Amino acid sequence: MLFDYEALTTRELRLLSALNDSKQHTHEAREELYPRVMRTAARVVVVSRCVRGIDARGLHKTNLAALREASIGVTADVRGEVLCLLDGFGVADFGRPQRAIVDGDATSAAIAAASIIAKVSRDRYMRHADQEHPGWAFAEHVGYSTPSHREAILRQGVSPLHRMSFQSLAYQQLAL
């Protein structure tokens, strides 16, 4: 997510004042913030990774690689100095200065905006996945380990979208 703060109007800045960690917003609030962020952002990059790639590489390494790729994409062809703010972790050097901010989505508008875009994009994907893979209620739990999610796995087994490397207590209770 790239913002040109000097180009934003007072009205646009006020519209973004509601930004916070996406998990602190309701689904409806995130959907309302999403177009505001998209209208005011200079550039947005969303990076996705497939389940099998995550299983092979590990979630943390995959997330850091995706964050680096998004940072490269969002700063490509930008002239001048750009400081990349990253939520929690730094990434391998990509030619731009960076600052990792612990709980960044709760303290930085830019990181909070990226959090909203990422969460809404993922939730929309999960609603689409619900149509492609009926019976697992992906639209309901959007990938989180809920009782209904675990019941669906017990009833139907795992889908092609389930990460087999996921090490949660909920998965350990299931015979996969």
Protein backbone atom coordinates (compact mmCIF):
# COMPACT_ATOMS: atom_id res chain seq x y z
CA MET A 1 0.00 0.00 0.00
CA LEU A 2 1.48 3.32 -1.04
CA PHE A 3 0.08 6.66 0.04
CA ASP A 4 1.21 10.05 -1.18
CA TYR A 5 0.28 11.87 2.01
CA GLU A 6 1.11 15.27 0.51
CA ALA A 7 -1.47 14.69 -2.22
CA LEU A 8 -4.29 13.62 0.11
CA THR A 9 -6.97 16.17 0.85
CA THR A 10 -8.20 16.92 4.35
CA ARG A 11 -11.45 15.12 3.47
CA GLU A 12 -9.57 11.98 2.35
CA LEU A 13 -7.47 12.03 5.51
CA ARG A 14 -10.65 12.27 7.59
CA LEU A 15 -12.16 9.33 5.70
CA LEU A 16 -9.11 7.26 6.63
CA SER A 17 -9.16 8.31 10.28
CA ALA A 18 -11.30 5.25 11.12
CA LEU A 19 -8.47 2.91 10.10
CA ASN A 20 -7.33 0.40 12.65
CA ASP A 21 -6.18 -3.22 12.72
CA SER A 22 -8.62 -5.07 10.43
CA LYS A 23 -9.41 -7.54 13.21
CA GLN A 24 -10.78 -4.63 15.29
CA HIS A 25 -13.41 -3.85 12.64
CA THR A 26 -16.58 -5.73 11.82
CA HIS A 27 -16.99 -7.30 8.41
CA GLU A 28 -19.31 -4.42 7.45
CA ALA A 29 -16.86 -1.76 8.60
CA ARG A 30 -14.01 -3.37 6.64
CA GLU A 31 -16.18 -3.48 3.52
CA GLU A 32 -16.98 0.21 4.01
CA LEU A 33 -13.30 1.13 4.50
CA TYR A 34 -12.10 -0.92 1.53
CA PRO A 35 -13.25 1.46 -1.25
CA ARG A 36 -12.07 4.47 0.76
CA VAL A 37 -8.59 3.00 0.97
CA MET A 38 -8.64 2.02 -2.70
CA ARG A 39 -9.66 5.56 -3.74
CA THR A 40 -6.96 7.25 -1.69
CA ALA A 41 -4.05 4.84 -2.16
CA ALA A 42 -1.50 5.71 -4.82
CA ARG A 43 -0.78 2.02 -5.38
CA VAL A 44 -2.04 -1.29 -3.95
CA VAL A 45 -0.50 -4.73 -4.39
CA VAL A 46 -2.12 -7.92 -3.11
CA VAL A 47 -0.02 -11.08 -3.12
CA SER A 48 -1.52 -14.56 -2.71
CA ARG A 49 0.14 -17.90 -2.22
CA CYS A 50 -1.22 -21.39 -2.85
CA VAL A 51 -1.83 -23.89 -0.08
CA ARG A 52 0.74 -26.42 -1.30
CA GLY A 53 3.42 -23.74 -1.53
CA ILE A 54 2.67 -22.66 2.04
CA ASP A 55 2.85 -26.28 3.21
CA ALA A 56 6.18 -26.80 1.43
CA ARG A 57 7.86 -23.59 2.58
CA GLY A 58 6.11 -22.85 5.87
CA LEU A 59 3.65 -20.08 6.65
CA HIS A 60 6.10 -17.61 8.19
CA LYS A 61 8.66 -17.84 5.35
CA THR A 62 5.86 -17.65 2.79
CA ASN A 63 4.37 -14.58 4.47
CA LEU A 64 7.74 -12.80 4.56
CA ALA A 65 8.38 -13.58 0.89
CA ALA A 66 4.90 -12.31 -0.04
CA LEU A 67 5.42 -9.15 2.04
CA ARG A 68 8.71 -8.52 0.29
CA GLU A 69 7.10 -9.09 -3.13
CA ALA A 70 4.27 -6.69 -2.27
CA SER A 71 6.77 -4.09 -1.04
CA ILE A 72 8.73 -4.36 -4.28
CA GLY A 73 5.55 -4.08 -6.32
CA VAL A 74 4.16 -1.11 -4.46
CA THR A 75 7.43 0.85 -4.69
CA ALA A 76 8.35 -0.09 -8.26
CA ASP A 77 9.06 2.96 -10.42
CA VAL A 78 8.55 5.33 -7.47
CA ARG A 79 11.10 8.12 -7.58
CA GLY A 80 12.72 9.49 -4.51
CA GLU A 81 13.00 8.19 -1.02
CA VAL A 82 10.28 5.82 0.19
CA LEU A 83 10.23 4.33 3.67
CA CYS A 84 8.43 0.98 3.71
CA LEU A 85 6.55 0.35 6.94
CA LEU A 86 6.09 -3.35 7.61
CA ASP A 87 3.81 -4.97 10.16
CA GLY A 88 5.90 -6.83 12.69
CA PHE A 89 8.78 -8.21 10.65
CA GLY A 90 11.41 -6.88 8.31
CA VAL A 91 12.09 -8.64 5.02
CA ALA A 92 15.20 -9.34 2.95
CA ASP A 93 16.68 -6.21 1.38
CA PHE A 94 14.93 -5.00 -1.77
CA GLY A 95 16.65 -1.67 -2.30
CA ARG A 96 14.33 0.52 -0.20
CA PRO A 97 14.63 1.47 3.45
CA GLN A 98 12.19 -0.36 5.68
CA ARG A 99 10.97 -0.23 9.24
CA ALA A 100 9.26 -3.16 10.95
CA ILE A 101 6.66 -1.96 13.46
CA VAL A 102 5.33 -4.35 16.08
CA ASP A 103 1.51 -4.08 16.09
CA GLY A 104 1.88 -1.77 13.10
CA ASP A 105 -1.71 -2.28 12.01
CA ALA A 106 -2.80 -0.65 15.28
CA THR A 107 -0.34 2.28 15.11
CA SER A 108 0.21 3.13 11.42
CA ALA A 109 -2.55 4.27 9.04
CA ALA A 110 -0.66 2.84 6.06
CA ILE A 111 -0.25 -0.58 7.69
CA ALA A 112 -3.86 -0.53 8.92
CA ALA A 113 -4.99 0.27 5.37
CA ALA A 114 -2.97 -2.65 4.03
CA SER A 115 -4.51 -4.83 6.75
CA ILE A 116 -8.02 -3.85 5.58
CA ILE A 117 -7.18 -4.58 1.93
CA ALA A 118 -5.62 -7.94 2.81
CA LYS A 119 -8.47 -9.06 5.06
CA VAL A 120 -11.24 -8.01 2.69
CA SER A 121 -9.43 -9.64 -0.24
CA ARG A 122 -9.01 -12.87 1.71
CA ASP A 123 -12.61 -12.90 2.94
CA ARG A 124 -13.87 -12.36 -0.61
CA TYR A 125 -11.69 -15.23 -1.79
CA MET A 126 -13.09 -17.45 0.97
CA ARG A 127 -16.67 -16.61 -0.06
CA HIS A 128 -15.75 -17.61 -3.62
CA ALA A 129 -14.10 -20.79 -2.29
CA ASP A 130 -17.35 -21.59 -0.49
CA GLN A 131 -19.06 -21.84 -3.88
CA GLU A 132 -16.26 -23.93 -5.37
CA HIS A 133 -15.99 -26.24 -2.36
CA PRO A 134 -19.45 -26.54 -0.79
CA GLY A 135 -19.90 -28.14 2.60
CA TRP A 136 -16.96 -26.59 4.45
CA ALA A 137 -18.73 -23.25 5.13
CA PHE A 138 -15.72 -21.19 4.05
CA ALA A 139 -17.93 -18.10 3.70
CA GLU A 140 -18.94 -18.43 7.34
CA HIS A 141 -15.59 -18.98 9.05
CA VAL A 142 -13.36 -17.47 6.31
CA GLY A 143 -10.58 -19.91 7.13
CA TYR A 144 -10.51 -19.60 10.90
CA SER A 145 -10.69 -22.70 13.04
CA THR A 146 -14.22 -22.52 14.42
CA PRO A 147 -16.34 -25.37 15.81
CA SER A 148 -18.34 -25.48 12.55
CA HIS A 149 -15.10 -25.58 10.53
CA ARG A 150 -13.80 -28.51 12.56
CA GLU A 151 -17.17 -30.30 12.27
CA ALA A 152 -17.08 -29.89 8.48
CA ILE A 153 -13.60 -31.43 8.36
CA LEU A 154 -14.75 -34.33 10.52
CA ARG A 155 -17.76 -34.82 8.25
CA GLN A 156 -16.07 -34.34 4.84
CA GLY A 157 -12.35 -34.58 5.44
CA VAL A 158 -10.02 -31.83 4.24
CA SER A 159 -10.55 -29.85 1.08
CA PRO A 160 -7.85 -28.90 -1.44
CA LEU A 161 -7.70 -25.54 0.36
CA HIS A 162 -6.73 -26.88 3.77
CA ARG A 163 -3.10 -26.47 4.82
CA MET A 164 -1.85 -29.82 6.01
CA SER A 165 1.09 -28.19 7.81
CA PHE A 166 -1.24 -26.12 10.02
CA GLN A 167 -0.34 -26.91 13.62
CA SER A 168 -3.31 -25.76 15.65
CA LEU A 169 -4.78 -27.55 18.62
CA ALA A 170 -8.01 -27.80 16.65
CA TYR A 171 -6.29 -29.73 13.84
CA GLN A 172 -4.43 -31.95 16.28
CA GLN A 173 -7.77 -33.08 17.67
CA LEU A 174 -8.87 -34.25 14.24
CA ALA A 175 -7.74 -37.46 12.59
CA LEU A 176 -6.57 -36.08 9.24
